[in-house]
Amino acid sequence: MKVAVIGTGYVGLVTGVVLAQLGNDVICVDKDLDKVEKLKNGIPPIYEPGVEEMLRQGLKDGFLTISDSIKEATEASEVIFIAVGTPPAEDGTPDLTAVRAVANEIAKHIMRYTVVVNKSTVPVGSGDMVEKIILSHGVDSSLFDVVSNPEFLREGSAIHDTLHPDRIVIGAKRRDAAVKLVELYATLQSPMIVTDLNSAELIKYGANSFLAMKISFINAISRICELCDANVADVAAGMGSDKRVGNQFLSAGLGWGGSCFPKDVQGMVKVSEDLGYDFGLLKEVIQINEDQTLAFIARLEERLDGFNGKRIALMGLAFKPNTDDIRDAKSLVIIDKVLAGGGEVIAYDPIAEANVREIYPSIDYATGVYELGVNADALVLVTEWNEFRQLDLERLADKMRQRVLFDGRRVYDKAKAERAGFEYHTIGSH
């Protein structure tokens, strides 16, 4: 099938390279000429395991083309995915400026029946909006359909999630459009949910909001555990063994971040308000998430008797492992608080350092994890990269001024850390 993907961020590029691997003729389009040139040379603009290899293979095999022309892509394609960014505006509403711009450009070049697919995360009613934009250009309604096909990718495992999805959601007004998407995804042999546009758009928001709620719930439980000397890991295991609850997303930590959860939960709250419903539950989910990080930082500050003159070492900067994404990363909150308190920060992350340097060029960056300990007053685990799991803790603690370890992801065994000479603190237990 001839496919175009407009936008080459996480969603767009992953969608494009995977569909090319499946044997489709794919054109990936981006307006950023520098990005286009790098993509043509097999250099992806994002860090995501497997993407670079699949990009290079697609280019080599000829199934993947990179372009800056929506006109070229529209005229050559049967299916066009809109996969541009929809960042949250100040009021929490997703900014659909890029979606509107792409829809206007696509409409100018539709010459035959085309399925236009909203792959970007968009609020309810966005499919109707795109349809109205295309119709406003005089395109006959028989020449196109707008479909909602939300993505459910996890950064760090996006290729696997695309090739082995739990489900594929297709929202359409007409059967022919839905069938086109069913045919495109048939080789994945995954369950497909075919529904209307509004339901498909709501599924993505609903799923991510529910998962965020689950994380905030266990983090609230972790706060109670700290107050009554219980262990949140044991509580979570007991809860998760109930099949009605399930054990996924019950790992207490610093809170959720990244590009999806914050935007989608805020978007769900705003969409609900616009429809006349006050989603107070999700507002509390957001508040718990913010409080979780601040409470952790407050414990660290109290232990050190303030940050003034203290050197804090951060292990990890990305919002999660296997990505360079620092959107809503908890490391940024910690850095802000330490610097505001008169402290110093030294940080190490195997992938995300360059992105943080753009925001905080003046803090210190270690060239390796063991360099973090030099003259540090506290070591804070922020991102649970695999390389941090089997460290020689004695070597790490050897040159610290104060052997204080705050484990924000519950990675280390308390007894082992204490044998290495650390005073150990974590989330959900003392």
Protein backbone atom coordinates (compact mmCIF):
# COMPACT_ATOMS: atom_id res chain seq x y z
CA MET A 1 0.00 0.00 0.00
CA LYS A 2 1.17 3.55 -0.71
CA VAL A 3 1.38 5.47 2.55
CA ALA A 4 2.46 8.93 3.68
CA VAL A 5 3.35 9.95 7.22
CA ILE A 6 3.39 13.68 7.94
CA GLY A 7 5.66 14.42 10.92
CA THR A 8 8.80 12.53 11.94
CA GLY A 9 8.75 12.68 15.72
CA TYR A 10 8.40 9.59 17.92
CA VAL A 11 5.02 8.57 16.54
CA GLY A 12 5.52 9.55 12.92
CA LEU A 13 8.98 8.13 12.40
CA VAL A 14 8.25 4.87 14.20
CA THR A 15 5.02 4.45 12.21
CA GLY A 16 6.82 5.15 8.96
CA VAL A 17 9.77 2.81 9.42
CA VAL A 18 7.59 -0.04 10.66
CA LEU A 19 5.10 0.26 7.79
CA ALA A 20 8.03 0.31 5.37
CA GLN A 21 9.44 -2.84 6.96
CA LEU A 22 6.06 -4.49 6.43
CA GLY A 23 6.43 -3.91 2.68
CA ASN A 24 4.47 -0.72 2.10
CA ASP A 25 5.75 2.18 0.01
CA VAL A 26 6.12 4.92 2.61
CA ILE A 27 6.92 8.62 2.31
CA CYS A 28 7.86 10.33 5.58
CA VAL A 29 7.43 14.09 5.41
CA ASP A 30 8.77 16.88 7.62
CA LYS A 31 8.98 20.63 7.07
CA ASP A 32 12.30 20.87 8.93
CA LEU A 33 14.83 20.74 6.09
CA ASP A 34 17.76 19.93 8.38
CA LYS A 35 15.83 17.01 9.84
CA VAL A 36 14.88 15.82 6.35
CA GLU A 37 18.51 15.85 5.22
CA LYS A 38 19.61 13.86 8.26
CA LEU A 39 16.81 11.33 7.76
CA LYS A 40 17.82 10.86 4.13
CA ASN A 41 21.27 9.95 5.44
CA GLY A 42 19.85 7.48 7.94
CA ILE A 43 20.19 9.72 11.00
CA PRO A 44 17.01 9.83 13.13
CA PRO A 45 16.15 13.00 15.09
CA ILE A 46 15.19 10.94 18.16
CA TYR A 47 16.77 8.25 20.27
CA GLU A 48 14.63 5.13 20.22
CA PRO A 49 16.03 1.57 20.21
CA GLY A 50 15.77 0.01 16.75
CA VAL A 51 14.66 3.10 14.86
CA GLU A 52 18.00 3.92 13.25
CA GLU A 53 18.45 0.37 11.98
CA MET A 54 14.96 0.23 10.52
CA LEU A 55 15.34 3.70 8.98
CA ARG A 56 18.53 2.69 7.21
CA GLN A 57 17.05 -0.61 6.09
CA GLY A 58 13.94 1.07 4.69
CA LEU A 59 16.03 3.57 2.75
CA LYS A 60 18.29 0.82 1.44
CA ASP A 61 15.40 -1.41 0.35
CA GLY A 62 13.61 1.46 -1.33
CA PHE A 63 10.37 1.08 0.65
CA LEU A 64 11.02 4.33 2.55
CA THR A 65 11.39 7.82 1.09
CA ILE A 66 12.03 11.06 2.97
CA SER A 67 10.55 14.33 1.70
CA ASP A 68 9.66 17.87 2.72
CA SER A 69 6.72 18.01 0.29
CA ILE A 70 3.17 17.30 1.47
CA LYS A 71 2.10 17.79 -2.15
CA GLU A 72 4.37 14.96 -3.32
CA ALA A 73 3.22 12.70 -0.51
CA THR A 74 -0.50 13.39 -0.99
CA GLU A 75 -0.44 12.81 -4.72
CA ALA A 76 1.44 9.51 -4.31
CA SER A 77 -0.49 7.99 -1.39
CA GLU A 78 -3.71 6.13 -0.61
CA VAL A 79 -3.40 6.62 3.13
CA ILE A 80 -1.98 9.72 4.81
CA PHE A 81 -1.12 9.73 8.53
CA ILE A 82 -1.08 13.08 10.33
CA ALA A 83 1.51 12.56 13.07
CA VAL A 84 2.54 16.09 14.00
CA GLY A 85 2.95 17.44 17.52
CA THR A 86 -0.02 18.52 19.62
CA PRO A 87 1.65 20.13 22.65
CA PRO A 88 -0.54 21.38 25.49
CA ALA A 89 -1.46 25.05 25.47
CA GLU A 90 -1.42 27.05 28.72
CA ASP A 91 -5.01 26.05 29.53
CA GLY A 92 -4.28 22.34 28.98
CA THR A 93 -5.99 22.19 25.60
CA PRO A 94 -3.92 20.36 22.95
CA ASP A 95 -2.57 22.84 20.43
CA LEU A 96 -3.89 21.66 17.07
CA THR A 97 -2.15 24.34 15.02
CA ALA A 98 0.10 21.83 13.23
CA VAL A 99 -2.80 19.44 12.58
CA ARG A 100 -4.83 22.23 11.00
CA ALA A 101 -1.88 23.33 8.86
CA VAL A 102 -1.30 19.82 7.56
CA ALA A 103 -5.01 19.28 6.85
CA ASN A 104 -5.12 22.51 4.85
CA GLU A 105 -2.08 21.45 2.84
CA ILE A 106 -3.36 17.92 2.19
CA ALA A 107 -6.68 19.31 0.95
CA LYS A 108 -4.95 21.26 -1.82
CA HIS A 109 -3.57 18.11 -3.42
CA ILE A 110 -6.19 15.35 -3.07
CA MET A 111 -6.82 14.00 -6.56
CA ARG A 112 -8.29 10.56 -5.84
CA TYR A 113 -9.85 8.71 -2.93
CA THR A 114 -7.60 9.17 0.10
CA VAL A 115 -7.89 8.09 3.72
CA VAL A 116 -6.61 10.81 6.05
CA VAL A 117 -5.65 9.37 9.44
CA ASN A 118 -5.27 11.31 12.68
CA LYS A 119 -2.36 9.52 14.37
CA SER A 120 -1.51 12.44 16.63
CA THR A 121 -3.14 12.47 20.05
CA VAL A 122 -6.11 14.77 19.60
CA PRO A 123 -9.26 15.60 21.58
CA VAL A 124 -12.76 14.48 20.73
CA GLY A 125 -14.03 16.30 17.66
CA SER A 126 -10.66 16.61 15.93
CA GLY A 127 -11.64 14.19 13.17
CA ASP A 128 -14.68 16.33 12.37
CA MET A 129 -12.41 19.40 12.39
CA VAL A 130 -10.04 17.87 9.83
CA GLU A 131 -12.98 16.81 7.68
CA LYS A 132 -14.40 20.35 7.69
CA ILE A 133 -11.02 21.82 6.76
CA ILE A 134 -10.68 19.53 3.76
CA LEU A 135 -14.28 20.17 2.65
CA SER A 136 -13.67 23.92 2.93
CA HIS A 137 -11.18 23.61 0.08
CA GLY A 138 -13.90 22.30 -2.21
CA VAL A 139 -12.83 18.65 -2.06
CA ASP A 140 -15.80 16.39 -2.73
CA SER A 141 -16.75 14.22 0.25
CA SER A 142 -16.53 11.11 -1.94
CA LEU A 143 -12.79 11.68 -2.42
CA PHE A 144 -11.70 11.26 1.18
CA ASP A 145 -12.45 9.94 4.63
CA VAL A 146 -10.99 10.97 7.97
CA VAL A 147 -10.05 8.16 10.36
CA SER A 148 -8.88 8.19 13.97
CA ASN A 149 -6.10 5.67 14.66
CA PRO A 150 -4.55 6.57 18.04
CA GLU A 151 -1.11 5.29 18.97
CA PHE A 152 -0.27 3.51 22.22
CA LEU A 153 3.52 3.55 22.04
CA ARG A 154 5.83 3.53 25.02
CA GLU A 155 9.04 5.45 24.53
CA GLY A 156 11.92 3.02 24.77
CA SER A 157 9.89 0.15 23.30
CA ALA A 158 8.04 1.92 20.48
CA ILE A 159 9.15 -0.47 17.73
CA HIS A 160 7.98 -3.52 19.69
CA ASP A 161 4.71 -1.82 20.58
CA THR A 162 4.03 -1.00 16.93
CA LEU A 163 4.79 -4.50 15.71
CA HIS A 164 2.99 -6.24 18.61
CA PRO A 165 0.14 -3.97 19.72
CA ASP A 166 -2.37 -5.03 22.35
CA ARG A 167 -5.05 -3.66 20.05
CA ILE A 168 -5.46 -1.43 17.02
CA VAL A 169 -8.18 1.19 17.30
CA ILE A 170 -9.83 2.46 14.12
CA GLY A 171 -12.50 5.15 14.25
CA ALA A 172 -14.33 5.96 11.03
CA LYS A 173 -17.64 7.19 9.69
CA ARG A 174 -17.69 4.94 6.63
CA ARG A 175 -16.95 1.26 6.30
CA ASP A 176 -14.63 1.64 3.28
CA ALA A 177 -12.24 3.83 5.25
CA ALA A 178 -12.11 1.40 8.17
CA VAL A 179 -11.51 -1.53 5.81
CA LYS A 180 -8.55 0.32 4.28
CA LEU A 181 -6.88 0.56 7.70
CA VAL A 182 -7.77 -3.04 8.54
CA GLU A 183 -6.01 -4.14 5.34
CA LEU A 184 -2.96 -2.00 6.13
CA TYR A 185 -2.55 -3.57 9.59
CA ALA A 186 -3.66 -7.10 8.70
CA THR A 187 -0.13 -8.55 8.76
CA LEU A 188 0.26 -7.60 12.43
CA GLN A 189 -2.48 -10.08 13.34
CA SER A 190 -3.57 -7.98 16.32
CA PRO A 191 -7.07 -7.45 17.73
CA MET A 192 -8.80 -4.52 16.04
CA ILE A 193 -11.46 -2.30 17.55
CA VAL A 194 -13.47 -0.58 14.83
CA THR A 195 -15.68 2.20 16.14
CA ASP A 196 -16.82 5.77 15.47
CA LEU A 197 -14.50 8.78 15.38
CA ASN A 198 -15.39 10.21 18.78
CA SER A 199 -15.03 6.88 20.59
CA ALA A 200 -11.63 6.22 19.01
CA GLU A 201 -10.37 9.66 20.02
CA LEU A 202 -11.61 9.14 23.58
CA ILE A 203 -10.00 5.69 23.92
CA LYS A 204 -6.47 7.13 23.85
CA TYR A 205 -7.21 9.82 26.43
CA GLY A 206 -9.12 7.36 28.59
CA ALA A 207 -6.37 4.72 28.54
CA ASN A 208 -3.52 7.07 29.42
CA SER A 209 -5.56 8.88 32.06
CA PHE A 210 -6.41 5.59 33.73
CA LEU A 211 -2.78 4.45 33.77
CA ALA A 212 -1.68 7.80 35.17
CA MET A 213 -4.34 7.44 37.86
CA LYS A 214 -3.00 4.00 38.77
CA ILE A 215 0.54 5.37 39.18
CA SER A 216 -0.69 8.31 41.24
CA PHE A 217 -2.71 5.93 43.41
CA ILE A 218 0.26 3.74 44.32
CA ASN A 219 2.36 6.85 44.89
CA ALA A 220 -0.28 8.12 47.32
CA ILE A 221 -0.12 4.72 49.03
CA SER A 222 3.67 5.12 49.21
CA ARG A 223 3.24 8.35 51.17
CA ILE A 224 1.05 6.52 53.67
CA CYS A 225 3.65 3.75 53.91
CA GLU A 226 6.29 6.30 54.84
CA LEU A 227 4.07 7.59 57.63
CA CYS A 228 3.26 4.20 59.15
CA ASP A 229 6.52 2.32 58.46
CA ALA A 230 4.99 -0.03 55.89
CA ASN A 231 6.62 -1.20 52.64
CA VAL A 232 4.94 -0.03 49.45
CA ALA A 233 6.49 -2.87 47.42
CA ASP A 234 4.73 -5.44 49.58
CA VAL A 235 1.49 -3.48 49.51
CA ALA A 236 1.66 -3.23 45.71
CA ALA A 237 2.39 -6.95 45.39
CA GLY A 238 -0.62 -7.75 47.53
CA MET A 239 -2.85 -5.43 45.54
CA GLY A 240 -1.51 -6.50 42.15
CA SER A 241 -2.05 -10.19 42.80
CA ASP A 242 -5.78 -9.49 42.63
CA LYS A 243 -6.67 -10.07 38.97
CA ARG A 244 -9.17 -7.27 39.11
CA VAL A 245 -6.36 -4.85 39.93
CA GLY A 246 -3.35 -6.29 38.08
CA ASN A 247 0.29 -5.63 38.87
CA GLN A 248 1.18 -3.28 36.00
CA PHE A 249 1.75 0.42 36.75
CA LEU A 250 1.92 -0.23 40.48
CA SER A 251 5.59 0.68 40.93
CA ALA A 252 5.94 3.60 43.31
CA GLY A 253 8.45 6.22 42.27
CA LEU A 254 8.96 9.90 41.55
CA GLY A 255 5.82 10.16 39.43
CA TRP A 256 4.93 10.01 35.76
CA GLY A 257 6.35 12.33 33.13
CA GLY A 258 7.27 12.32 29.46
CA SER A 259 5.23 13.55 26.55
CA CYS A 260 2.06 11.46 26.81
CA PHE A 261 0.72 11.21 30.34
CA PRO A 262 1.01 14.91 31.29
CA LYS A 263 -0.47 16.07 28.01
CA ASP A 264 -3.21 13.46 27.80
CA VAL A 265 -4.39 13.79 31.39
CA GLN A 266 -4.48 17.57 31.13
CA GLY A 267 -6.20 17.24 27.77
CA MET A 268 -8.81 14.89 29.22
CA VAL A 269 -9.55 17.36 32.02
CA LYS A 270 -9.92 20.25 29.57
CA VAL A 271 -12.02 18.32 27.06
CA SER A 272 -14.30 17.25 29.90
CA GLU A 273 -14.68 20.85 31.06
CA ASP A 274 -15.50 21.98 27.54
CA LEU A 275 -18.23 19.35 27.42
CA GLY A 276 -19.61 20.47 30.77
CA TYR A 277 -18.14 17.82 33.09
CA ASP A 278 -15.76 18.60 35.96
CA PHE A 279 -13.34 15.64 36.04
CA GLY A 280 -12.22 16.27 39.61
CA LEU A 281 -10.70 12.80 39.96
CA LEU A 282 -8.12 13.51 37.25
CA LYS A 283 -7.31 16.90 38.74
CA GLU A 284 -6.36 15.11 41.95
CA VAL A 285 -4.31 12.57 39.93
CA ILE A 286 -2.27 15.47 38.55
CA GLN A 287 -1.85 17.03 41.99
CA ILE A 288 -0.69 13.76 43.57
CA ASN A 289 1.88 13.39 40.79
CA GLU A 290 3.28 16.87 41.40
CA ASP A 291 3.30 16.40 45.17
CA GLN A 292 5.16 13.09 44.91
CA THR A 293 8.30 14.66 43.47
CA LEU A 294 8.19 17.65 45.80
CA ALA A 295 7.79 15.42 48.87
CA PHE A 296 10.83 13.39 47.83
CA ILE A 297 12.89 16.55 47.36
CA ALA A 298 11.72 17.88 50.74
CA ARG A 299 12.94 14.70 52.45
CA LEU A 300 16.32 15.08 50.76
CA GLU A 301 16.57 18.75 51.74
CA GLU A 302 15.61 18.01 55.33
CA ARG A 303 18.18 15.23 55.61
CA LEU A 304 20.95 17.53 54.37
CA ASP A 305 19.80 20.45 56.53
CA GLY A 306 19.22 22.51 53.40
CA PHE A 307 20.84 22.54 49.96
CA ASN A 308 23.05 25.59 50.52
CA GLY A 309 26.66 24.60 49.87
CA LYS A 310 25.69 20.95 49.21
CA ARG A 311 26.65 18.99 46.10
CA ILE A 312 23.88 16.72 44.79
CA ALA A 313 24.68 13.95 42.29
CA LEU A 314 21.90 12.84 39.94
CA MET A 315 21.92 9.40 38.37
CA GLY A 316 19.80 9.75 35.25
CA LEU A 317 18.10 12.72 33.60
CA ALA A 318 15.60 11.27 31.10
CA PHE A 319 12.02 10.84 32.26
CA LYS A 320 12.42 7.07 31.83
CA PRO A 321 15.12 4.64 30.62
CA ASN A 322 15.87 3.97 26.93
CA THR A 323 14.94 7.44 25.75
CA ASP A 324 16.52 10.89 25.54
CA ASP A 325 13.16 12.54 26.27
CA ILE A 326 13.28 15.02 29.16
CA ARG A 327 9.76 16.39 28.81
CA ASP A 328 8.34 16.66 32.33
CA ALA A 329 11.39 14.76 33.61
CA LYS A 330 11.67 14.76 37.40
CA SER A 331 15.39 15.50 37.13
CA LEU A 332 14.52 19.03 36.00
CA VAL A 333 12.39 19.64 39.09
CA ILE A 334 15.19 18.39 41.35
CA ILE A 335 17.80 20.55 39.61
CA ASP A 336 15.59 23.63 39.98
CA LYS A 337 15.06 23.05 43.69
CA VAL A 338 18.71 22.34 44.47
CA LEU A 339 19.97 25.37 42.58
CA ALA A 340 17.29 27.59 44.13
CA GLY A 341 18.46 26.39 47.55
CA GLY A 342 22.06 27.38 46.88
CA GLY A 343 23.33 23.89 46.07
CA GLU A 344 25.41 22.42 43.26
CA VAL A 345 24.40 19.66 40.86
CA ILE A 346 26.47 17.08 39.05
CA ALA A 347 24.58 14.73 36.74
CA TYR A 348 25.10 11.73 34.52
CA ASP A 349 22.81 10.19 31.90
CA PRO A 350 24.00 7.88 29.10
CA ILE A 351 21.68 9.42 26.48
CA ALA A 352 19.79 12.53 27.63
CA GLU A 353 22.67 14.75 28.79
CA ALA A 354 22.76 16.87 25.63
CA ASN A 355 19.09 17.79 25.98
CA VAL A 356 19.53 18.87 29.60
CA ARG A 357 22.69 20.84 28.77
CA GLU A 358 20.55 23.11 26.59
CA ILE A 359 18.52 24.07 29.67
CA TYR A 360 21.21 23.89 32.37
CA PRO A 361 24.59 24.56 30.73
CA SER A 362 26.22 25.62 34.00
CA ILE A 363 25.74 22.48 36.14
CA ASP A 364 28.42 19.81 36.15
CA TYR A 365 28.11 16.69 34.00
CA ALA A 366 30.01 13.50 34.76
CA THR A 367 31.61 11.45 32.01
CA GLY A 368 30.72 8.25 33.85
CA VAL A 369 28.57 7.17 36.75
CA TYR A 370 31.44 6.62 39.20
CA GLU A 371 32.59 10.21 38.76
CA LEU A 372 29.33 11.34 40.42
CA GLY A 373 30.49 10.44 43.90
CA VAL A 374 33.42 12.85 44.08
CA ASN A 375 32.74 15.32 46.92
CA ALA A 376 29.00 14.71 46.71
CA ASP A 377 26.76 15.15 49.74
CA ALA A 378 23.97 12.98 48.34
CA LEU A 379 23.42 10.61 45.45
CA VAL A 380 19.93 10.57 43.91
CA LEU A 381 18.72 7.86 41.54
CA VAL A 382 16.30 9.55 39.14
CA THR A 383 16.19 7.29 36.07
CA GLU A 384 16.50 3.52 36.39
CA TRP A 385 18.86 2.86 33.49
CA ASN A 386 20.06 -0.75 33.41
CA GLU A 387 23.67 0.31 33.85
CA PHE A 388 22.77 1.71 37.29
CA ARG A 389 21.33 -1.55 38.61
CA GLN A 390 24.54 -3.52 39.16
CA LEU A 391 26.93 -0.84 40.32
CA ASP A 392 29.80 -1.28 42.74
CA LEU A 393 28.16 0.83 45.44
CA GLU A 394 31.30 0.88 47.61
CA ARG A 395 33.28 2.37 44.74
CA LEU A 396 30.52 4.92 44.14
CA ALA A 397 30.44 5.94 47.81
CA ASP A 398 34.21 5.97 48.27
CA LYS A 399 34.84 9.66 47.47
CA MET A 400 31.56 11.15 48.69
CA ARG A 401 31.55 13.77 51.45
CA GLN A 402 28.37 12.25 52.84
CA ARG A 403 27.33 8.72 51.94
CA VAL A 404 23.63 9.49 51.51
CA LEU A 405 21.64 7.64 48.83
CA PHE A 406 18.10 8.66 47.86
CA ASP A 407 16.66 5.98 45.57
CA GLY A 408 13.79 7.55 43.63
CA ARG A 409 12.96 4.34 41.76
CA ARG A 410 13.34 1.66 44.45
CA VAL A 411 16.12 -0.05 42.50
CA TYR A 412 18.58 -0.90 45.27
CA ASP A 413 18.35 -3.36 48.12
CA LYS A 414 18.54 -1.47 51.40
CA ALA A 415 20.75 -4.02 53.16
CA LYS A 416 23.20 -4.10 50.25
CA ALA A 417 23.36 -0.30 50.12
CA GLU A 418 24.00 -0.12 53.84
CA ARG A 419 26.76 -2.72 53.62
CA ALA A 420 28.39 -0.47 51.04
CA GLY A 421 28.37 2.30 53.64
CA PHE A 422 25.35 4.24 52.42
CA GLU A 423 22.62 5.76 54.49
CA TYR A 424 19.70 4.59 52.35
CA HIS A 425 16.41 6.38 51.70
CA THR A 426 13.72 5.45 49.19
CA ILE A 427 10.05 5.95 48.36
CA GLY A 428 7.34 4.13 50.28
CA SER A 429 9.46 2.95 53.20
CA HIS A 430 12.08 4.20 55.65
